[in-house]
């Protein structure tokens, strides 16, 4: 999976008026960014303002979305960093299962 495939999967998982009503940005470093606007139901690769920004290596993100890496362990090991509203990051587990 590459960033464009992830963006397409995220777009199909998000809908305006859906369960996820926050703005979150995944920062994959050199690979790029994934911005999810749950309020508007939009997904793109912009560097827009978000309620929470999650910095994670692309390979670690693939492991997280496949269920091969526990998000709590990734956070504790410093593989996943959250800036902003931590509660938004906690709401992502259900959404991320749709990305794999």
PDB file of N, CA and C in Angstrom:
ATOM      1  N   UNK A   1       0.843  -1.178   0.000  1.00  0.00           N
ATOM      2  CA  UNK A   1       0.000   0.000   0.000  1.00  0.00           C
ATOM      3  C   UNK A   1       0.890   1.243   0.000  1.00  0.00           C
ATOM      4  N   UNK A   2       0.508   2.237  -0.819  1.00  0.00           N
ATOM      5  CA  UNK A   2       1.217   3.509  -0.806  1.00  0.00           C
ATOM      6  C   UNK A   2       0.259   4.611  -0.331  1.00  0.00           C
ATOM      7  N   UNK A   3       0.751   5.838  -0.281  1.00  0.00           N
ATOM      8  CA  UNK A   3      -0.046   6.938   0.271  1.00  0.00           C
ATOM      9  C   UNK A   3      -1.320   7.188  -0.542  1.00  0.00           C
ATOM     10  N   UNK A   4      -1.244   7.075  -1.854  1.00  0.00           N
ATOM     11  CA  UNK A   4      -2.450   7.313  -2.665  1.00  0.00           C
ATOM     12  C   UNK A   4      -3.510   6.235  -2.418  1.00  0.00           C
ATOM     13  N   UNK A   5      -3.071   4.992  -2.234  1.00  0.00           N
ATOM     14  CA  UNK A   5      -4.028   3.919  -1.912  1.00  0.00           C
ATOM     15  C   UNK A   5      -4.655   4.156  -0.538  1.00  0.00           C
ATOM     16  N   UNK A   6      -3.837   4.570   0.436  1.00  0.00           N
ATOM     17  CA  UNK A   6      -4.348   4.861   1.774  1.00  0.00           C
ATOM     18  C   UNK A   6      -5.352   6.013   1.726  1.00  0.00           C
ATOM     19  N   UNK A   7      -5.038   7.038   0.957  1.00  0.00           N
ATOM     20  CA  UNK A   7      -5.929   8.189   0.836  1.00  0.00           C
ATOM     21  C   UNK A   7      -7.282   7.751   0.269  1.00  0.00           C
ATOM     22  N   UNK A   8      -7.263   6.898  -0.738  1.00  0.00           N
ATOM     23  CA  UNK A   8      -8.507   6.396  -1.339  1.00  0.00           C
ATOM     24  C   UNK A   8      -9.303   5.555  -0.331  1.00  0.00           C
ATOM     25  N   UNK A   9      -8.611   4.691   0.419  1.00  0.00           N
ATOM     26  CA  UNK A   9      -9.301   3.862   1.426  1.00  0.00           C
ATOM     27  C   UNK A   9      -9.898   4.726   2.526  1.00  0.00           C
ATOM     28  N   UNK A  10      -9.142   5.731   2.965  1.00  0.00           N
ATOM     29  CA  UNK A  10      -9.634   6.626   4.014  1.00  0.00           C
ATOM     30  C   UNK A  10     -10.845   7.413   3.507  1.00  0.00           C
ATOM     31  N   UNK A  11     -10.791   7.850   2.259  1.00  0.00           N
ATOM     32  CA  UNK A  11     -11.908   8.604   1.685  1.00  0.00           C
ATOM     33  C   UNK A  11     -13.174   7.757   1.637  1.00  0.00           C
ATOM     34  N   UNK A  12     -13.037   6.473   1.334  1.00  0.00           N
ATOM     35  CA  UNK A  12     -14.218   5.610   1.288  1.00  0.00           C
ATOM     36  C   UNK A  12     -14.733   5.283   2.693  1.00  0.00           C
ATOM     37  N   UNK A  13     -13.873   5.393   3.712  1.00  0.00           N
ATOM     38  CA  UNK A  13     -14.278   5.091   5.090  1.00  0.00           C
ATOM     39  C   UNK A  13     -14.918   6.292   5.789  1.00  0.00           C
ATOM     40  N   UNK A  14     -14.660   7.494   5.262  1.00  0.00           N
ATOM     41  CA  UNK A  14     -15.159   8.722   5.880  1.00  0.00           C
ATOM     42  C   UNK A  14     -16.366   9.228   5.098  1.00  0.00           C
ATOM     43  N   UNK A  15     -17.371   9.648   5.820  1.00  0.00           N
ATOM     44  CA  UNK A  15     -18.513  10.279   5.166  1.00  0.00           C
ATOM     45  C   UNK A  15     -18.995  11.444   6.018  1.00  0.00           C
ATOM     46  N   UNK A  16     -19.487  12.471   5.367  1.00  0.00           N
ATOM     47  CA  UNK A  16     -20.030  13.619   6.097  1.00  0.00           C
ATOM     48  C   UNK A  16     -21.209  13.131   6.933  1.00  0.00           C
ATOM     49  N   UNK A  17     -21.229  13.550   8.191  1.00  0.00           N
ATOM     50  CA  UNK A  17     -22.286  13.109   9.082  1.00  0.00           C
ATOM     51  C   UNK A  17     -22.036  11.731   9.668  1.00  0.00           C
ATOM     52  N   UNK A  18     -20.825  11.179   9.466  1.00  0.00           N
ATOM     53  CA  UNK A  18     -20.487   9.866  10.004  1.00  0.00           C
ATOM     54  C   UNK A  18     -20.123   9.926  11.478  1.00  0.00           C
ATOM     55  N   UNK A  19     -19.633   8.817  11.991  1.00  0.00           N
ATOM     56  CA  UNK A  19     -19.277   8.712  13.410  1.00  0.00           C
ATOM     57  C   UNK A  19     -18.077   9.569  13.793  1.00  0.00           C
ATOM     58  N   UNK A  20     -17.105   9.695  12.889  1.00  0.00           N
ATOM     59  CA  UNK A  20     -15.877  10.439  13.195  1.00  0.00           C
ATOM     60  C   UNK A  20     -16.082  11.902  12.811  1.00  0.00           C
ATOM     61  N   UNK A  21     -16.094  12.792  13.799  1.00  0.00           N
ATOM     62  CA  UNK A  21     -16.422  14.197  13.554  1.00  0.00           C
ATOM     63  C   UNK A  21     -15.296  15.148  13.940  1.00  0.00           C
ATOM     64  N   UNK A  22     -14.065  14.711  13.793  1.00  0.00           N
ATOM     65  CA  UNK A  22     -12.907  15.545  14.127  1.00  0.00           C
ATOM     66  C   UNK A  22     -12.015  15.701  12.908  1.00  0.00           C
ATOM     67  N   UNK A  23     -10.981  16.529  13.063  1.00  0.00           N
ATOM     68  CA  UNK A  23      -9.979  16.696  12.014  1.00  0.00           C
ATOM     69  C   UNK A  23      -8.670  16.137  12.545  1.00  0.00           C
ATOM     70  N   UNK A  24      -8.078  15.230  11.777  1.00  0.00           N
ATOM     71  CA  UNK A  24      -6.824  14.620  12.203  1.00  0.00           C
ATOM     72  C   UNK A  24      -5.868  14.567  11.013  1.00  0.00           C
ATOM     73  N   UNK A  25      -4.596  14.743  11.326  1.00  0.00           N
ATOM     74  CA  UNK A  25      -3.561  14.692  10.296  1.00  0.00           C
ATOM     75  C   UNK A  25      -2.536  13.640  10.681  1.00  0.00           C
ATOM     76  N   UNK A  26      -2.240  12.754   9.751  1.00  0.00           N
ATOM     77  CA  UNK A  26      -1.148  11.800   9.914  1.00  0.00           C
ATOM     78  C   UNK A  26       0.048  12.369   9.184  1.00  0.00           C
ATOM     79  N   UNK A  27       1.171  12.474   9.868  1.00  0.00           N
ATOM     80  CA  UNK A  27       2.407  12.976   9.274  1.00  0.00           C
ATOM     81  C   UNK A  27       3.361  11.794   9.143  1.00  0.00           C
ATOM     82  N   UNK A  28       3.608  11.391   7.904  1.00  0.00           N
ATOM     83  CA  UNK A  28       4.486  10.244   7.630  1.00  0.00           C
ATOM     84  C   UNK A  28       5.898  10.677   7.235  1.00  0.00           C
ATOM     85  N   UNK A  29       6.271  11.889   7.576  1.00  0.00           N
ATOM     86  CA  UNK A  29       7.607  12.379   7.236  1.00  0.00           C
ATOM     87  C   UNK A  29       7.752  12.583   5.742  1.00  0.00           C
ATOM     88  N   UNK A  30       8.810  12.017   5.157  1.00  0.00           N
ATOM     89  CA  UNK A  30       9.107  12.192   3.733  1.00  0.00           C
ATOM     90  C   UNK A  30       8.051  11.578   2.820  1.00  0.00           C
ATOM     91  N   UNK A  31       7.281  10.629   3.315  1.00  0.00           N
ATOM     92  CA  UNK A  31       6.257   9.965   2.502  1.00  0.00           C
ATOM     93  C   UNK A  31       5.103  10.913   2.215  1.00  0.00           C
ATOM     94  N   UNK A  32       4.772  11.790   3.161  1.00  0.00           N
ATOM     95  CA  UNK A  32       3.690  12.753   2.970  1.00  0.00           C
ATOM     96  C   UNK A  32       2.753  12.797   4.153  1.00  0.00           C
ATOM     97  N   UNK A  33       1.579  13.368   3.912  1.00  0.00           N
ATOM     98  CA  UNK A  33       0.591  13.534   4.975  1.00  0.00           C
ATOM     99  C   UNK A  33      -0.770  13.026   4.513  1.00  0.00           C
ATOM    100  N   UNK A  34      -1.583  12.656   5.490  1.00  0.00           N
ATOM    101  CA  UNK A  34      -2.965  12.271   5.253  1.00  0.00           C
ATOM    102  C   UNK A  34      -3.812  13.118   6.185  1.00  0.00           C
ATOM    103  N   UNK A  35      -4.703  13.951   5.614  1.00  0.00           N
ATOM    104  CA  UNK A  35      -5.572  14.814   6.404  1.00  0.00           C
ATOM    105  C   UNK A  35      -6.999  14.302   6.282  1.00  0.00           C
ATOM    106  N   UNK A  36      -7.614  14.039   7.430  1.00  0.00           N
ATOM    107  CA  UNK A  36      -8.982  13.540   7.475  1.00  0.00           C
ATOM    108  C   UNK A  36      -9.850  14.585   8.169  1.00  0.00           C
ATOM    109  N   UNK A  37     -10.836  15.094   7.442  1.00  0.00           N
ATOM    110  CA  UNK A  37     -11.799  16.049   7.988  1.00  0.00           C
ATOM    111  C   UNK A  37     -13.123  15.309   8.160  1.00  0.00           C
ATOM    112  N   UNK A  38     -13.355  14.799   9.361  1.00  0.00           N
ATOM    113  CA  UNK A  38     -14.552  14.021   9.621  1.00  0.00           C
ATOM    114  C   UNK A  38     -15.821  14.847   9.597  1.00  0.00           C
ATOM    115  N   UNK A  39     -15.712  16.146   9.845  1.00  0.00           N
ATOM    116  CA  UNK A  39     -16.878  17.027   9.826  1.00  0.00           C
ATOM    117  C   UNK A  39     -17.410  17.154   8.408  1.00  0.00           C
ATOM    118  N   UNK A  40     -16.508  17.452   7.466  1.00  0.00           N
ATOM    119  CA  UNK A  40     -16.899  17.658   6.069  1.00  0.00           C
ATOM    120  C   UNK A  40     -16.930  16.349   5.273  1.00  0.00           C
ATOM    121  N   UNK A  41     -16.339  15.292   5.833  1.00  0.00           N
ATOM    122  CA  UNK A  41     -16.284  14.026   5.109  1.00  0.00           C
ATOM    123  C   UNK A  41     -15.259  14.035   4.001  1.00  0.00           C
ATOM    124  N   UNK A  42     -14.183  14.822   4.174  1.00  0.00           N
ATOM    125  CA  UNK A  42     -13.135  14.936   3.155  1.00  0.00           C
ATOM    126  C   UNK A  42     -11.833  14.316   3.620  1.00  0.00           C
ATOM    127  N   UNK A  43     -11.094  13.780   2.652  1.00  0.00           N
ATOM    128  CA  UNK A  43      -9.767  13.230   2.914  1.00  0.00           C
ATOM    129  C   UNK A  43      -8.843  13.719   1.803  1.00  0.00           C
ATOM    130  N   UNK A  44      -7.666  14.235   2.185  1.00  0.00           N
ATOM    131  CA  UNK A  44      -6.688  14.645   1.181  1.00  0.00           C
ATOM    132  C   UNK A  44      -5.289  14.541   1.771  1.00  0.00           C
ATOM    133  N   UNK A  45      -4.316  15.065   1.054  1.00  0.00           N
ATOM    134  CA  UNK A  45      -2.926  14.981   1.504  1.00  0.00           C
ATOM    135  C   UNK A  45      -2.367  16.355   1.866  1.00  0.00           C
ATOM    136  N   UNK A  46      -3.247  17.246   2.323  1.00  0.00           N
ATOM    137  CA  UNK A  46      -2.829  18.603   2.668  1.00  0.00           C
ATOM    138  C   UNK A  46      -2.205  18.651   4.064  1.00  0.00           C
ATOM    139  N   UNK A  47      -1.616  19.796   4.338  1.00  0.00           N
ATOM    140  CA  UNK A  47      -1.000  20.051   5.642  1.00  0.00           C
ATOM    141  C   UNK A  47      -1.898  21.008   6.431  1.00  0.00           C
ATOM    142  N   UNK A  48      -3.205  20.731   6.429  1.00  0.00           N
ATOM    143  CA  UNK A  48      -4.198  21.608   7.059  1.00  0.00           C
ATOM    144  C   UNK A  48      -4.164  21.502   8.579  1.00  0.00           C
ATOM    145  N   UNK A  49      -4.774  22.500   9.231  1.00  0.00           N
ATOM    146  CA  UNK A  49      -4.898  22.507  10.692  1.00  0.00           C
ATOM    147  C   UNK A  49      -5.793  21.353  11.128  1.00  0.00           C
ATOM    148  N   UNK A  50      -5.380  20.667  12.181  1.00  0.00           N
ATOM    149  CA  UNK A  50      -6.125  19.502  12.666  1.00  0.00           C
ATOM    150  C   UNK A  50      -6.293  19.579  14.176  1.00  0.00           C
ATOM    151  N   UNK A  51      -7.299  18.854  14.682  1.00  0.00           N
ATOM    152  CA  UNK A  51      -7.493  18.752  16.128  1.00  0.00           C
ATOM    153  C   UNK A  51      -6.337  17.969  16.759  1.00  0.00           C
ATOM    154  N   UNK A  52      -5.813  17.007  16.003  1.00  0.00           N
ATOM    155  CA  UNK A  52      -4.677  16.201  16.459  1.00  0.00           C
ATOM    156  C   UNK A  52      -3.801  15.857  15.265  1.00  0.00           C
ATOM    157  N   UNK A  53      -2.505  15.863  15.476  1.00  0.00           N
ATOM    158  CA  UNK A  53      -1.545  15.446  14.453  1.00  0.00           C
ATOM    159  C   UNK A  53      -0.799  14.233  14.989  1.00  0.00           C
ATOM    160  N   UNK A  54      -0.784  13.186  14.197  1.00  0.00           N
ATOM    161  CA  UNK A  54      -0.121  11.954  14.591  1.00  0.00           C
ATOM    162  C   UNK A  54       1.101  11.767  13.707  1.00  0.00           C
ATOM    163  N   UNK A  55       2.265  11.766  14.334  1.00  0.00           N
ATOM    164  CA  UNK A  55       3.516  11.554  13.597  1.00  0.00           C
ATOM    165  C   UNK A  55       3.917  10.106  13.770  1.00  0.00           C
ATOM    166  N   UNK A  56       4.067   9.427  12.638  1.00  0.00           N
ATOM    167  CA  UNK A  56       4.419   8.013  12.671  1.00  0.00           C
ATOM    168  C   UNK A  56       5.149   7.662  11.376  1.00  0.00           C
ATOM    169  N   UNK A  57       6.134   6.797  11.472  1.00  0.00           N
ATOM    170  CA  UNK A  57       6.860   6.308  10.312  1.00  0.00           C
ATOM    171  C   UNK A  57       5.903   5.514   9.417  1.00  0.00           C
ATOM    172  N   UNK A  58       6.059   5.608   8.110  1.00  0.00           N
ATOM    173  CA  UNK A  58       5.157   4.934   7.163  1.00  0.00           C
ATOM    174  C   UNK A  58       5.099   3.425   7.408  1.00  0.00           C
ATOM    175  N   UNK A  59       6.240   2.799   7.624  1.00  0.00           N
ATOM    176  CA  UNK A  59       6.257   1.347   7.856  1.00  0.00           C
ATOM    177  C   UNK A  59       5.537   0.986   9.153  1.00  0.00           C
ATOM    178  N   UNK A  60       5.712   1.796  10.190  1.00  0.00           N
ATOM    179  CA  UNK A  60       5.009   1.547  11.450  1.00  0.00           C
ATOM    180  C   UNK A  60       3.507   1.762  11.277  1.00  0.00           C
ATOM    181  N   UNK A  61       3.115   2.748  10.472  1.00  0.00           N
ATOM    182  CA  UNK A  61       1.691   2.964  10.232  1.00  0.00           C
ATOM    183  C   UNK A  61       1.068   1.748   9.545  1.00  0.00           C
ATOM    184  N   UNK A  62       1.776   1.186   8.576  1.00  0.00           N
ATOM    185  CA  UNK A  62       1.249  -0.003   7.886  1.00  0.00           C
ATOM    186  C   UNK A  62       1.066  -1.152   8.873  1.00  0.00           C
ATOM    187  N   UNK A  63       1.996  -1.294   9.815  1.00  0.00           N
ATOM    188  CA  UNK A  63       1.870  -2.335  10.839  1.00  0.00           C
ATOM    189  C   UNK A  63       0.685  -2.045  11.761  1.00  0.00           C
ATOM    190  N   UNK A  64       0.501  -0.778  12.118  1.00  0.00           N
ATOM    191  CA  UNK A  64      -0.632  -0.387  12.965  1.00  0.00           C
ATOM    192  C   UNK A  64      -1.957  -0.706  12.283  1.00  0.00           C
ATOM    193  N   UNK A  65      -2.077  -0.323  11.018  1.00  0.00           N
ATOM    194  CA  UNK A  65      -3.352  -0.523  10.315  1.00  0.00           C
ATOM    195  C   UNK A  65      -3.623  -1.995  10.030  1.00  0.00           C
ATOM    196  N   UNK A  66      -2.576  -2.808   9.972  1.00  0.00           N
ATOM    197  CA  UNK A  66      -2.753  -4.247   9.749  1.00  0.00           C
ATOM    198  C   UNK A  66      -2.963  -5.008  11.055  1.00  0.00           C
ATOM    199  N   UNK A  67      -2.865  -4.286  12.185  1.00  0.00           N
ATOM    200  CA  UNK A  67      -3.036  -4.935  13.481  1.00  0.00           C
ATOM    201  C   UNK A  67      -1.794  -5.665  13.964  1.00  0.00           C
ATOM    202  N   UNK A  68      -0.655  -5.405  13.314  1.00  0.00           N
ATOM    203  CA  UNK A  68       0.604  -6.063  13.681  1.00  0.00           C
ATOM    204  C   UNK A  68       1.373  -5.291  14.752  1.00  0.00           C
ATOM    205  N   UNK A  69       0.958  -4.047  15.019  1.00  0.00           N
ATOM    206  CA  UNK A  69       1.608  -3.214  16.027  1.00  0.00           C
ATOM    207  C   UNK A  69       0.518  -2.581  16.879  1.00  0.00           C
ATOM    208  N   UNK A  70       0.614  -2.750  18.179  1.00  0.00           N
ATOM    209  CA  UNK A  70      -0.359  -2.196  19.108  1.00  0.00           C
ATOM    210  C   UNK A  70      -0.150  -0.688  19.226  1.00  0.00           C
ATOM    211  N   UNK A  71      -1.210   0.119  19.049  1.00  0.00           N
ATOM    212  CA  UNK A  71      -1.054   1.570  19.127  1.00  0.00           C
ATOM    213  C   UNK A  71      -0.503   2.064  20.464  1.00  0.00           C
ATOM    214  N   UNK A  72      -0.927   1.456  21.556  1.00  0.00           N
ATOM    215  CA  UNK A  72      -0.434   1.870  22.871  1.00  0.00           C
ATOM    216  C   UNK A  72       1.054   1.594  22.995  1.00  0.00           C
ATOM    217  N   UNK A  73       1.482   0.428  22.540  1.00  0.00           N
ATOM    218  CA  UNK A  73       2.914   0.089  22.592  1.00  0.00           C
ATOM    219  C   UNK A  73       3.717   1.015  21.676  1.00  0.00           C
ATOM    220  N   UNK A  74       3.177   1.311  20.502  1.00  0.00           N
ATOM    221  CA  UNK A  74       3.863   2.211  19.574  1.00  0.00           C
ATOM    222  C   UNK A  74       4.043   3.591  20.215  1.00  0.00           C
ATOM    223  N   UNK A  75       3.012   4.060  20.916  1.00  0.00           N
ATOM    224  CA  UNK A  75       3.080   5.343  21.597  1.00  0.00           C
ATOM    225  C   UNK A  75       4.124   5.300  22.708  1.00  0.00           C
ATOM    226  N   UNK A  76       4.083   4.242  23.517  1.00  0.00           N
ATOM    227  CA  UNK A  76       5.015   4.107  24.651  1.00  0.00           C
ATOM    228  C   UNK A  76       6.467   3.988  24.175  1.00  0.00           C
ATOM    229  N   UNK A  77       6.672   3.387  23.000  1.00  0.00           N
ATOM    230  CA  UNK A  77       8.023   3.206  22.462  1.00  0.00           C
ATOM    231  C   UNK A  77       8.491   4.420  21.656  1.00  0.00           C
ATOM    232  N   UNK A  78       7.638   5.429  21.528  1.00  0.00           N
ATOM    233  CA  UNK A  78       8.012   6.627  20.785  1.00  0.00           C
ATOM    234  C   UNK A  78       7.882   6.482  19.279  1.00  0.00           C
ATOM    235  N   UNK A  79       7.278   5.407  18.825  1.00  0.00           N
ATOM    236  CA  UNK A  79       7.095   5.204  17.384  1.00  0.00           C
ATOM    237  C   UNK A  79       5.912   6.001  16.850  1.00  0.00           C
ATOM    238  N   UNK A  80       5.043   6.440  17.749  1.00  0.00           N
ATOM    239  CA  UNK A  80       3.856   7.196  17.397  1.00  0.00           C
ATOM    240  C   UNK A  80       3.772   8.375  18.351  1.00  0.00           C
ATOM    241  N   UNK A  81       3.690   9.586  17.798  1.00  0.00           N
ATOM    242  CA  UNK A  81       3.630  10.782  18.629  1.00  0.00           C
ATOM    243  C   UNK A  81       2.362  11.545  18.283  1.00  0.00           C
ATOM    244  N   UNK A  82       1.693  12.055  19.306  1.00  0.00           N
ATOM    245  CA  UNK A  82       0.444  12.790  19.117  1.00  0.00           C
ATOM    246  C   UNK A  82       0.632  14.222  19.596  1.00  0.00           C
ATOM    247  N   UNK A  83       0.298  15.176  18.722  1.00  0.00           N
ATOM    248  CA  UNK A  83       0.281  16.588  19.086  1.00  0.00           C
ATOM    249  C   UNK A  83      -1.163  17.059  19.000  1.00  0.00           C
ATOM    250  N   UNK A  84      -1.606  17.786  20.012  1.00  0.00           N
ATOM    251  CA  UNK A  84      -2.986  18.263  20.016  1.00  0.00           C
ATOM    252  C   UNK A  84      -3.854  17.417  20.930  1.00  0.00           C
ATOM    253  N   UNK A  85      -5.091  17.233  20.534  1.00  0.00           N
ATOM    254  CA  UNK A  85      -6.102  16.573  21.359  1.00  0.00           C
ATOM    255  C   UNK A  85      -5.925  15.046  21.350  1.00  0.00           C
ATOM    256  N   UNK A  86      -5.430  14.515  22.454  1.00  0.00           N
ATOM    257  CA  UNK A  86      -5.188  13.073  22.564  1.00  0.00           C
ATOM    258  C   UNK A  86      -6.476  12.264  22.420  1.00  0.00           C
ATOM    259  N   UNK A  87      -7.613  12.817  22.842  1.00  0.00           N
ATOM    260  CA  UNK A  87      -8.871  12.073  22.748  1.00  0.00           C
ATOM    261  C   UNK A  87      -9.256  11.806  21.291  1.00  0.00           C
ATOM    262  N   UNK A  88      -8.847  12.686  20.384  1.00  0.00           N
ATOM    263  CA  UNK A  88      -9.113  12.472  18.957  1.00  0.00           C
ATOM    264  C   UNK A  88      -8.343  11.251  18.475  1.00  0.00           C
ATOM    265  N   UNK A  89      -7.106  11.139  18.902  1.00  0.00           N
ATOM    266  CA  UNK A  89      -6.288   9.984  18.523  1.00  0.00           C
ATOM    267  C   UNK A  89      -6.904   8.692  19.050  1.00  0.00           C
ATOM    268  N   UNK A  90      -7.487   8.745  20.233  1.00  0.00           N
ATOM    269  CA  UNK A  90      -8.097   7.550  20.820  1.00  0.00           C
ATOM    270  C   UNK A  90      -9.316   7.089  20.010  1.00  0.00           C
ATOM    271  N   UNK A  91      -9.989   8.017  19.349  1.00  0.00           N
ATOM    272  CA  UNK A  91     -11.176   7.692  18.560  1.00  0.00           C
ATOM    273  C   UNK A  91     -10.826   7.034  17.225  1.00  0.00           C
ATOM    274  N   UNK A  92      -9.563   7.011  16.872  1.00  0.00           N
ATOM    275  CA  UNK A  92      -9.153   6.527  15.553  1.00  0.00           C
ATOM    276  C   UNK A  92      -9.100   5.014  15.416  1.00  0.00           C
ATOM    277  N   UNK A  93      -9.077   4.278  16.503  1.00  0.00           N
ATOM    278  CA  UNK A  93      -8.895   2.833  16.399  1.00  0.00           C
ATOM    279  C   UNK A  93      -9.958   2.173  15.528  1.00  0.00           C
ATOM    280  N   UNK A  94     -11.208   2.542  15.718  1.00  0.00           N
ATOM    281  CA  UNK A  94     -12.267   1.970  14.909  1.00  0.00           C
ATOM    282  C   UNK A  94     -12.148   2.359  13.451  1.00  0.00           C
ATOM    283  N   UNK A  95     -11.740   3.590  13.215  1.00  0.00           N
ATOM    284  CA  UNK A  95     -11.584   4.079  11.845  1.00  0.00           C
ATOM    285  C   UNK A  95     -10.416   3.408  11.142  1.00  0.00           C
ATOM    286  N   UNK A  96      -9.318   3.214  11.846  1.00  0.00           N
ATOM    287  CA  UNK A  96      -8.119   2.636  11.226  1.00  0.00           C
ATOM    288  C   UNK A  96      -8.339   1.195  10.760  1.00  0.00           C
ATOM    289  N   UNK A  97      -9.239   0.482  11.379  1.00  0.00           N
ATOM    290  CA  UNK A  97      -9.499  -0.896  10.943  1.00  0.00           C
ATOM    291  C   UNK A  97     -10.044  -0.904   9.516  1.00  0.00           C
ATOM    292  N   UNK A  98     -10.620   0.192   9.064  1.00  0.00           N
ATOM    293  CA  UNK A  98     -11.148   0.282   7.696  1.00  0.00           C
ATOM    294  C   UNK A  98     -10.073   0.617   6.682  1.00  0.00           C
ATOM    295  N   UNK A  99      -8.864   0.961   7.140  1.00  0.00           N
ATOM    296  CA  UNK A  99      -7.788   1.358   6.246  1.00  0.00           C
ATOM    297  C   UNK A  99      -6.995   0.179   5.700  1.00  0.00           C
ATOM    298  N   UNK A 100      -7.070  -0.970   6.355  1.00  0.00           N
ATOM    299  CA  UNK A 100      -6.218  -2.102   5.938  1.00  0.00           C
ATOM    300  C   UNK A 100      -6.800  -2.865   4.773  1.00  0.00           C
TER     301      UNK A 100
END
